[in-house]
């Protein structure tokens, strides 16, 4: 697919230069980690909470999703992501963190405002907007950052700033050497997967070619489950098409029974299993056997090895491969990866209903 090596295609289809923002993730991640480590930690965040609730949806939530997934393996403090209008009951030992890139996310704002009337530490992570104003009026700390791009392209801030802050709060124990190794891995990926690397040596371009024309079903186990969710979201927003996430071992207890039907739909599916050293050995075996079951049922499928010696590296590099693949799939779909007009239209409709 030499078309994906043609510079004029990117100039025409990606005028907002989303490709440059994807390429900039390693630098963004390093900057976010540094800012999170250097940010003056308020007194209320210096006491280890009993649990953490992260509020966010969409592109603003994916970083929190990665951090919550890391905490499942690495922390005795429960960390839960809430993608909705209300949080579960909290007490004075619960840290509630609102994550909204723009500061205008309706669900996050309503949930956070309700939590301001309950005891316990609170934090807003945002570029500004209404969320920052509401938090500052309530005397709640605000971690502000700046990023020129859509929320989904701010993965570095979403993951690494929050990771640094929660580590300093005693929730996680992020090792700086692991963070550095992760970012160096992302730097290597930026070169290997970037636009200038030709199709013959570029796994992301090859995956996009294989996915093109089909409905991707991206499957991940353990820490790669969050990467599968990222793939589905990025393909939808960047490539403007359907994509679905799924998780191992769960699908081996239900969906596997339905792999073979309806028969007419099977050729349209593209089952992609994310696998790697960070995955539990039994789930790695499941990945192999599940792929065999998919192909045996007539579903086009393949496995992708995600590098990473740590869960942090596997999660972020798994996400990053999906980011690049979604860009190339957008090009093959003759789609501009930047706009998300259906989201804007829905927000406008919700706003008009609220005004009435």
Protein backbone atom coordinates (compact mmCIF):
# COMPACT_ATOMS: atom_id res chain seq x y z
CA UNK A 1 0.00 0.00 0.00
CA UNK A 2 2.37 2.68 -1.22
CA UNK A 3 -0.51 5.17 -1.00
CA UNK A 4 0.20 5.46 2.72
CA UNK A 5 3.73 6.60 1.85
CA UNK A 6 2.52 9.51 -0.30
CA UNK A 7 3.11 12.88 1.45
CA UNK A 8 0.45 14.67 -0.62
CA UNK A 9 -2.28 12.45 0.86
CA UNK A 10 -1.50 13.66 4.37
CA UNK A 11 -1.35 17.27 3.25
CA UNK A 12 -4.80 16.93 1.70
CA UNK A 13 -6.58 14.76 4.26
CA UNK A 14 -4.90 15.92 7.48
CA UNK A 15 -4.80 19.72 7.20
CA UNK A 16 -4.97 20.09 11.02
CA UNK A 17 -1.78 18.00 11.27
CA UNK A 18 -3.07 15.37 13.67
CA UNK A 19 -0.09 13.28 12.57
CA UNK A 20 2.27 15.79 14.20
CA UNK A 21 0.34 15.65 17.46
CA UNK A 22 0.52 11.87 17.47
CA UNK A 23 4.24 12.03 16.75
CA UNK A 24 4.68 14.43 19.66
CA UNK A 25 3.35 12.01 22.30
CA UNK A 26 6.79 11.07 23.73
CA UNK A 27 7.73 14.71 24.31
CA UNK A 28 4.27 15.43 25.71
CA UNK A 29 4.54 12.46 28.09
CA UNK A 30 7.94 13.56 29.40
CA UNK A 31 6.70 17.12 29.89
CA UNK A 32 3.53 15.94 31.65
CA UNK A 33 5.49 13.69 34.03
CA UNK A 34 7.86 16.53 34.87
CA UNK A 35 5.02 18.98 35.49
CA UNK A 36 3.14 16.48 37.63
CA UNK A 37 6.24 15.85 39.72
CA UNK A 38 7.03 19.54 40.16
CA UNK A 39 3.49 20.80 40.78
CA UNK A 40 3.15 22.08 44.38
CA UNK A 41 1.17 19.31 46.05
CA UNK A 42 -1.61 20.77 48.24
CA UNK A 43 -1.74 19.61 51.87
CA UNK A 44 -5.02 17.74 51.35
CA UNK A 45 -3.38 15.59 48.68
CA UNK A 46 -0.40 14.67 50.85
CA UNK A 47 -2.49 12.20 52.87
CA UNK A 48 -3.04 8.81 51.27
CA UNK A 49 -6.75 8.45 50.45
CA UNK A 50 -8.74 5.29 51.12
CA UNK A 51 -9.95 5.29 47.52
CA UNK A 52 -9.87 7.41 44.38
CA UNK A 53 -12.71 8.27 42.01
CA UNK A 54 -11.69 9.62 38.61
CA UNK A 55 -14.43 11.49 36.72
CA UNK A 56 -14.19 11.72 32.95
CA UNK A 57 -15.57 10.66 29.57
CA UNK A 58 -14.25 10.43 26.03
CA UNK A 59 -10.78 11.67 25.19
CA UNK A 60 -10.51 13.29 28.60
CA UNK A 61 -11.01 9.92 30.29
CA UNK A 62 -8.56 7.67 28.47
CA UNK A 63 -5.56 8.75 30.55
CA UNK A 64 -7.54 8.19 33.74
CA UNK A 65 -8.57 4.79 32.36
CA UNK A 66 -4.91 3.82 31.91
CA UNK A 67 -4.03 5.01 35.43
CA UNK A 68 -7.00 3.17 36.97
CA UNK A 69 -5.95 0.03 35.11
CA UNK A 70 -2.40 0.37 36.44
CA UNK A 71 -3.74 0.76 39.97
CA UNK A 72 -5.62 -2.53 39.67
CA UNK A 73 -2.25 -4.31 39.49
CA UNK A 74 -0.05 -1.97 41.49
CA UNK A 75 -2.03 -0.37 44.33
CA UNK A 76 -3.95 -1.38 47.44
CA UNK A 77 -5.99 1.81 47.03
CA UNK A 78 -9.06 1.21 44.84
CA UNK A 79 -9.06 3.56 41.84
CA UNK A 80 -12.31 3.73 39.89
CA UNK A 81 -13.15 5.62 36.70
CA UNK A 82 -16.67 7.09 36.53
CA UNK A 83 -17.87 7.82 32.99
CA UNK A 84 -21.23 9.31 33.91
CA UNK A 85 -23.21 12.15 35.53
CA UNK A 86 -22.88 10.97 39.14
CA UNK A 87 -20.30 9.34 41.37
CA UNK A 88 -21.07 6.62 43.90
CA UNK A 89 -21.31 7.61 47.58
CA UNK A 90 -18.09 9.00 49.04
CA UNK A 91 -16.75 9.81 52.46
CA UNK A 92 -14.04 12.07 53.84
CA UNK A 93 -11.32 9.61 52.86
CA UNK A 94 -12.25 9.50 49.15
CA UNK A 95 -10.22 11.56 46.68
CA UNK A 96 -12.34 12.71 43.72
CA UNK A 97 -10.49 13.89 40.61
CA UNK A 98 -12.31 15.55 37.72
CA UNK A 99 -10.53 15.08 34.38
CA UNK A 100 -11.81 17.30 31.57
CA UNK A 101 -9.56 18.58 28.81
CA UNK A 102 -11.74 21.58 27.96
CA UNK A 103 -13.25 21.99 31.40
CA UNK A 104 -16.69 21.93 29.75
CA UNK A 105 -17.53 18.21 29.80
CA UNK A 106 -21.15 18.09 30.92
CA UNK A 107 -21.09 14.72 32.69
CA UNK A 108 -17.86 15.47 34.55
CA UNK A 109 -18.96 18.93 35.60
CA UNK A 110 -22.26 17.76 37.07
CA UNK A 111 -20.65 14.85 38.91
CA UNK A 112 -17.86 17.04 40.27
CA UNK A 113 -20.15 19.84 41.38
CA UNK A 114 -22.21 17.34 43.38
CA UNK A 115 -19.03 16.10 45.07
CA UNK A 116 -18.11 19.62 46.18
CA UNK A 117 -20.93 19.37 48.75
CA UNK A 118 -19.41 16.26 50.36
CA UNK A 119 -16.29 15.98 52.56
CA UNK A 120 -12.94 14.79 51.29
CA UNK A 121 -10.07 15.92 49.06
CA UNK A 122 -10.89 17.06 45.53
CA UNK A 123 -8.79 17.88 42.45
CA UNK A 124 -9.45 19.18 38.94
CA UNK A 125 -7.16 18.29 36.02
CA UNK A 126 -7.89 20.49 33.01
CA UNK A 127 -6.71 23.14 30.58
CA UNK A 128 -9.23 25.57 32.11
CA UNK A 129 -12.87 26.34 31.30
CA UNK A 130 -15.83 26.05 33.65
CA UNK A 131 -14.27 23.19 35.60
CA UNK A 132 -11.30 25.32 36.61
CA UNK A 133 -13.59 28.22 37.56
CA UNK A 134 -15.88 26.02 39.65
CA UNK A 135 -12.96 24.34 41.39
CA UNK A 136 -11.16 27.59 42.19
CA UNK A 137 -14.32 29.18 43.59
CA UNK A 138 -14.68 26.17 45.88
CA UNK A 139 -11.03 26.33 46.96
CA UNK A 140 -10.24 23.06 45.18
CA UNK A 141 -6.73 22.60 43.72
CA UNK A 142 -6.46 22.74 39.93
CA UNK A 143 -3.69 21.15 37.88
CA UNK A 144 -3.65 23.14 34.65
CA UNK A 145 -1.87 22.16 31.47
CA UNK A 146 -1.73 23.48 27.92
CA UNK A 147 -2.09 21.43 24.76
CA UNK A 148 -2.89 22.52 21.21
CA UNK A 149 -4.99 19.68 19.88
CA UNK A 150 -8.19 17.71 20.45
CA UNK A 151 -8.68 15.95 23.80
CA UNK A 152 -7.92 12.52 22.35
CA UNK A 153 -4.43 13.72 21.37
CA UNK A 154 -3.54 14.72 24.96
CA UNK A 155 -2.88 11.15 26.12
CA UNK A 156 0.50 12.12 27.59
CA UNK A 157 -1.04 14.62 29.98
CA UNK A 158 -3.94 12.30 30.70
CA UNK A 159 -1.64 9.50 31.82
CA UNK A 160 1.65 10.90 33.05
CA UNK A 161 0.57 14.03 34.92
CA UNK A 162 -2.12 12.09 36.80
CA UNK A 163 0.30 9.23 37.43
CA UNK A 164 2.85 11.62 38.94
CA UNK A 165 0.28 13.33 41.19
CA UNK A 166 -1.28 10.10 42.44
CA UNK A 167 2.15 8.63 43.07
CA UNK A 168 3.06 11.64 45.19
CA UNK A 169 -0.26 11.20 47.03
CA UNK A 170 0.73 7.64 47.95
CA UNK A 171 -1.82 5.94 45.70
CA UNK A 172 0.66 4.51 43.21
CA UNK A 173 4.37 3.83 43.32
CA UNK A 174 5.52 4.93 39.89
CA UNK A 175 9.24 4.24 39.50
CA UNK A 176 10.95 7.11 37.61
CA UNK A 177 13.19 4.60 35.84
CA UNK A 178 10.13 2.74 34.57
CA UNK A 179 8.59 6.00 33.41
CA UNK A 180 11.80 6.90 31.59
CA UNK A 181 11.98 3.47 29.93
CA UNK A 182 8.35 3.82 28.87
CA UNK A 183 8.92 7.19 27.25
CA UNK A 184 12.05 5.93 25.51
CA UNK A 185 9.91 3.09 24.14
CA UNK A 186 7.39 5.63 22.87
CA UNK A 187 10.24 7.55 21.21
CA UNK A 188 11.31 4.39 19.39
CA UNK A 189 7.71 3.81 18.31
CA UNK A 190 7.38 7.36 17.01
CA UNK A 191 10.20 6.60 14.57
CA UNK A 192 9.10 3.07 13.68
CA UNK A 193 5.41 3.92 13.17
CA UNK A 194 5.59 7.49 11.88
CA UNK A 195 4.54 8.77 8.48
CA UNK A 196 8.11 8.82 7.13
CA UNK A 197 8.66 5.10 7.78
CA UNK A 198 7.61 3.23 4.63
CA UNK A 199 4.84 0.68 4.50
CA UNK A 200 7.22 -2.28 4.18
CA UNK A 201 8.76 -1.50 7.60
CA UNK A 202 5.76 0.11 9.31
CA UNK A 203 3.49 -2.21 11.37
CA UNK A 204 0.85 0.50 11.88
CA UNK A 205 0.47 1.11 8.14
CA UNK A 206 0.25 -2.64 7.55
CA UNK A 207 -2.40 -3.06 10.24
CA UNK A 208 -4.44 -0.19 8.80
CA UNK A 209 -4.34 -1.86 5.39
CA UNK A 210 -5.55 -5.14 6.91
CA UNK A 211 -8.34 -3.42 8.88
CA UNK A 212 -9.49 -1.28 5.96
CA UNK A 213 -13.01 -2.08 4.80
CA UNK A 214 -13.83 -4.12 7.88
CA UNK A 215 -15.23 -3.62 11.37
CA UNK A 216 -12.35 -3.93 13.85
CA UNK A 217 -12.97 -5.89 17.05
CA UNK A 218 -9.95 -5.14 19.21
CA UNK A 219 -9.36 -7.60 22.04
CA UNK A 220 -7.02 -7.14 25.00
CA UNK A 221 -6.30 -8.92 28.27
CA UNK A 222 -5.13 -7.50 31.59
CA UNK A 223 -3.39 -4.13 31.10
CA UNK A 224 -4.01 -4.34 27.33
CA UNK A 225 -7.77 -4.23 27.86
CA UNK A 226 -7.51 -0.46 28.26
CA UNK A 227 -5.40 -0.31 25.08
CA UNK A 228 -8.19 -2.13 23.23
CA UNK A 229 -10.65 0.52 24.39
CA UNK A 230 -8.26 3.23 23.18
CA UNK A 231 -7.98 1.54 19.76
CA UNK A 232 -11.76 1.46 19.36
CA UNK A 233 -12.17 5.09 20.36
CA UNK A 234 -9.35 6.32 18.12
CA UNK A 235 -10.56 4.38 15.10
CA UNK A 236 -14.05 5.80 15.58
CA UNK A 237 -12.93 9.41 16.00
CA UNK A 238 -9.97 9.53 13.64
CA UNK A 239 -10.98 7.07 10.91
CA UNK A 240 -14.73 7.85 11.16
CA UNK A 241 -15.92 4.25 11.29
CA UNK A 242 -17.18 1.52 13.60
CA UNK A 243 -14.76 -0.25 15.93
CA UNK A 244 -15.48 -2.36 19.02
CA UNK A 245 -13.37 -3.32 22.07
CA UNK A 246 -13.52 -6.66 23.87
CA UNK A 247 -11.66 -8.26 26.78
CA UNK A 248 -10.03 -11.56 27.57
CA UNK A 249 -10.71 -13.78 29.44
CA UNK A 250 -14.34 -12.56 29.54
CA UNK A 251 -15.17 -13.26 25.89
CA UNK A 252 -14.08 -16.87 26.34
CA UNK A 253 -17.04 -17.28 28.69
CA UNK A 254 -19.74 -15.87 26.38
CA UNK A 255 -18.93 -14.29 23.02
CA UNK A 256 -16.91 -17.31 21.86
CA UNK A 257 -20.18 -19.22 21.55
CA UNK A 258 -21.37 -16.73 18.91
CA UNK A 259 -18.18 -16.40 16.84
CA UNK A 260 -19.72 -18.19 13.84
CA UNK A 261 -22.93 -16.24 13.30
CA UNK A 262 -24.46 -14.55 11.49
CA UNK A 263 -22.41 -16.08 8.70
CA UNK A 264 -22.95 -13.20 6.27
CA UNK A 265 -21.36 -10.73 8.73
CA UNK A 266 -18.17 -12.67 9.46
CA UNK A 267 -16.14 -11.49 6.41
CA UNK A 268 -16.73 -7.89 7.49
CA UNK A 269 -15.14 -8.40 10.92
CA UNK A 270 -11.46 -7.93 11.72
CA UNK A 271 -10.57 -9.49 15.06
CA UNK A 272 -7.31 -8.09 16.40
CA UNK A 273 -5.87 -9.52 19.63
CA UNK A 274 -3.33 -7.41 21.54
CA UNK A 275 -0.81 -9.64 23.32
CA UNK A 276 2.54 -9.19 25.01
CA UNK A 277 4.88 -10.02 27.87
CA UNK A 278 2.88 -7.90 30.34
CA UNK A 279 -0.12 -10.24 29.97
CA UNK A 280 -0.69 -13.12 32.40
CA UNK A 281 0.69 -16.39 30.93
CA UNK A 282 -2.71 -18.06 31.02
CA UNK A 283 -4.24 -15.14 29.17
CA UNK A 284 -1.44 -15.34 26.61
CA UNK A 285 -2.45 -18.96 26.04
CA UNK A 286 -6.07 -17.83 25.83
CA UNK A 287 -5.08 -15.26 23.20
CA UNK A 288 -3.59 -18.01 21.04
CA UNK A 289 -6.52 -20.38 21.48
CA UNK A 290 -9.12 -17.61 21.03
CA UNK A 291 -7.50 -16.51 17.79
CA UNK A 292 -7.63 -20.10 16.56
CA UNK A 293 -11.33 -20.23 17.48
CA UNK A 294 -12.04 -16.97 15.66
CA UNK A 295 -10.27 -18.01 12.47
CA UNK A 296 -11.85 -21.46 12.68
CA UNK A 297 -15.28 -19.82 12.84
CA UNK A 298 -14.55 -17.82 9.69
CA UNK A 299 -13.60 -14.47 11.29
CA UNK A 300 -10.48 -12.80 9.84
CA UNK A 301 -8.12 -12.44 12.79
CA UNK A 302 -4.58 -11.79 13.82
CA UNK A 303 -2.53 -11.14 16.95
CA UNK A 304 -0.24 -8.19 17.58
CA UNK A 305 2.70 -8.35 19.98
CA UNK A 306 2.75 -5.23 22.16
CA UNK A 307 6.19 -4.45 23.61
CA UNK A 308 6.73 -3.44 27.21
CA UNK A 309 8.57 -4.79 30.23
CA UNK A 310 6.18 -3.01 32.62
CA UNK A 311 2.43 -2.56 32.72
CA UNK A 312 2.88 1.19 32.14
CA UNK A 313 4.98 0.63 29.05
CA UNK A 314 2.67 -2.05 27.65
CA UNK A 315 -0.44 0.08 28.18
CA UNK A 316 0.94 3.26 26.65
CA UNK A 317 2.77 1.62 23.75
CA UNK A 318 -0.32 -0.49 23.06
CA UNK A 319 -2.37 2.69 22.89
CA UNK A 320 0.24 4.41 20.73
CA UNK A 321 0.21 1.67 18.09
CA UNK A 322 -3.54 2.15 17.90
CA UNK A 323 -3.17 5.91 17.51
CA UNK A 324 -0.92 5.54 14.47
CA UNK A 325 -3.06 2.77 12.98
CA UNK A 326 -6.19 4.92 13.31
CA UNK A 327 -4.46 7.77 11.47
CA UNK A 328 -3.53 5.53 8.54
CA UNK A 329 -7.00 4.02 8.50
CA UNK A 330 -8.40 7.56 8.25
CA UNK A 331 -6.21 8.16 5.20
CA UNK A 332 -7.40 4.93 3.59
CA UNK A 333 -11.00 5.94 4.38
CA UNK A 334 -10.38 9.30 2.67
CA UNK A 335 -11.30 10.97 5.98
CA UNK A 336 -9.95 14.01 7.80
CA UNK A 337 -8.95 12.68 11.26
CA UNK A 338 -9.40 16.00 13.07
CA UNK A 339 -13.12 16.94 13.19
CA UNK A 340 -15.65 15.17 15.38
CA UNK A 341 -18.81 16.88 14.11
CA UNK A 342 -21.34 14.28 15.38
CA UNK A 343 -20.07 14.87 18.92
CA UNK A 344 -20.43 18.63 18.49
CA UNK A 345 -23.94 18.27 17.08
CA UNK A 346 -25.02 16.11 20.01
CA UNK A 347 -23.56 18.59 22.49
CA UNK A 348 -25.43 21.41 20.78
CA UNK A 349 -28.69 19.44 20.91
CA UNK A 350 -28.18 18.70 24.61
CA UNK A 351 -27.47 22.36 25.25
CA UNK A 352 -30.66 23.47 23.44
CA UNK A 353 -32.75 21.00 25.43
CA UNK A 354 -31.23 22.33 28.66
CA UNK A 355 -32.05 25.92 27.67
CA UNK A 356 -35.70 25.01 27.16
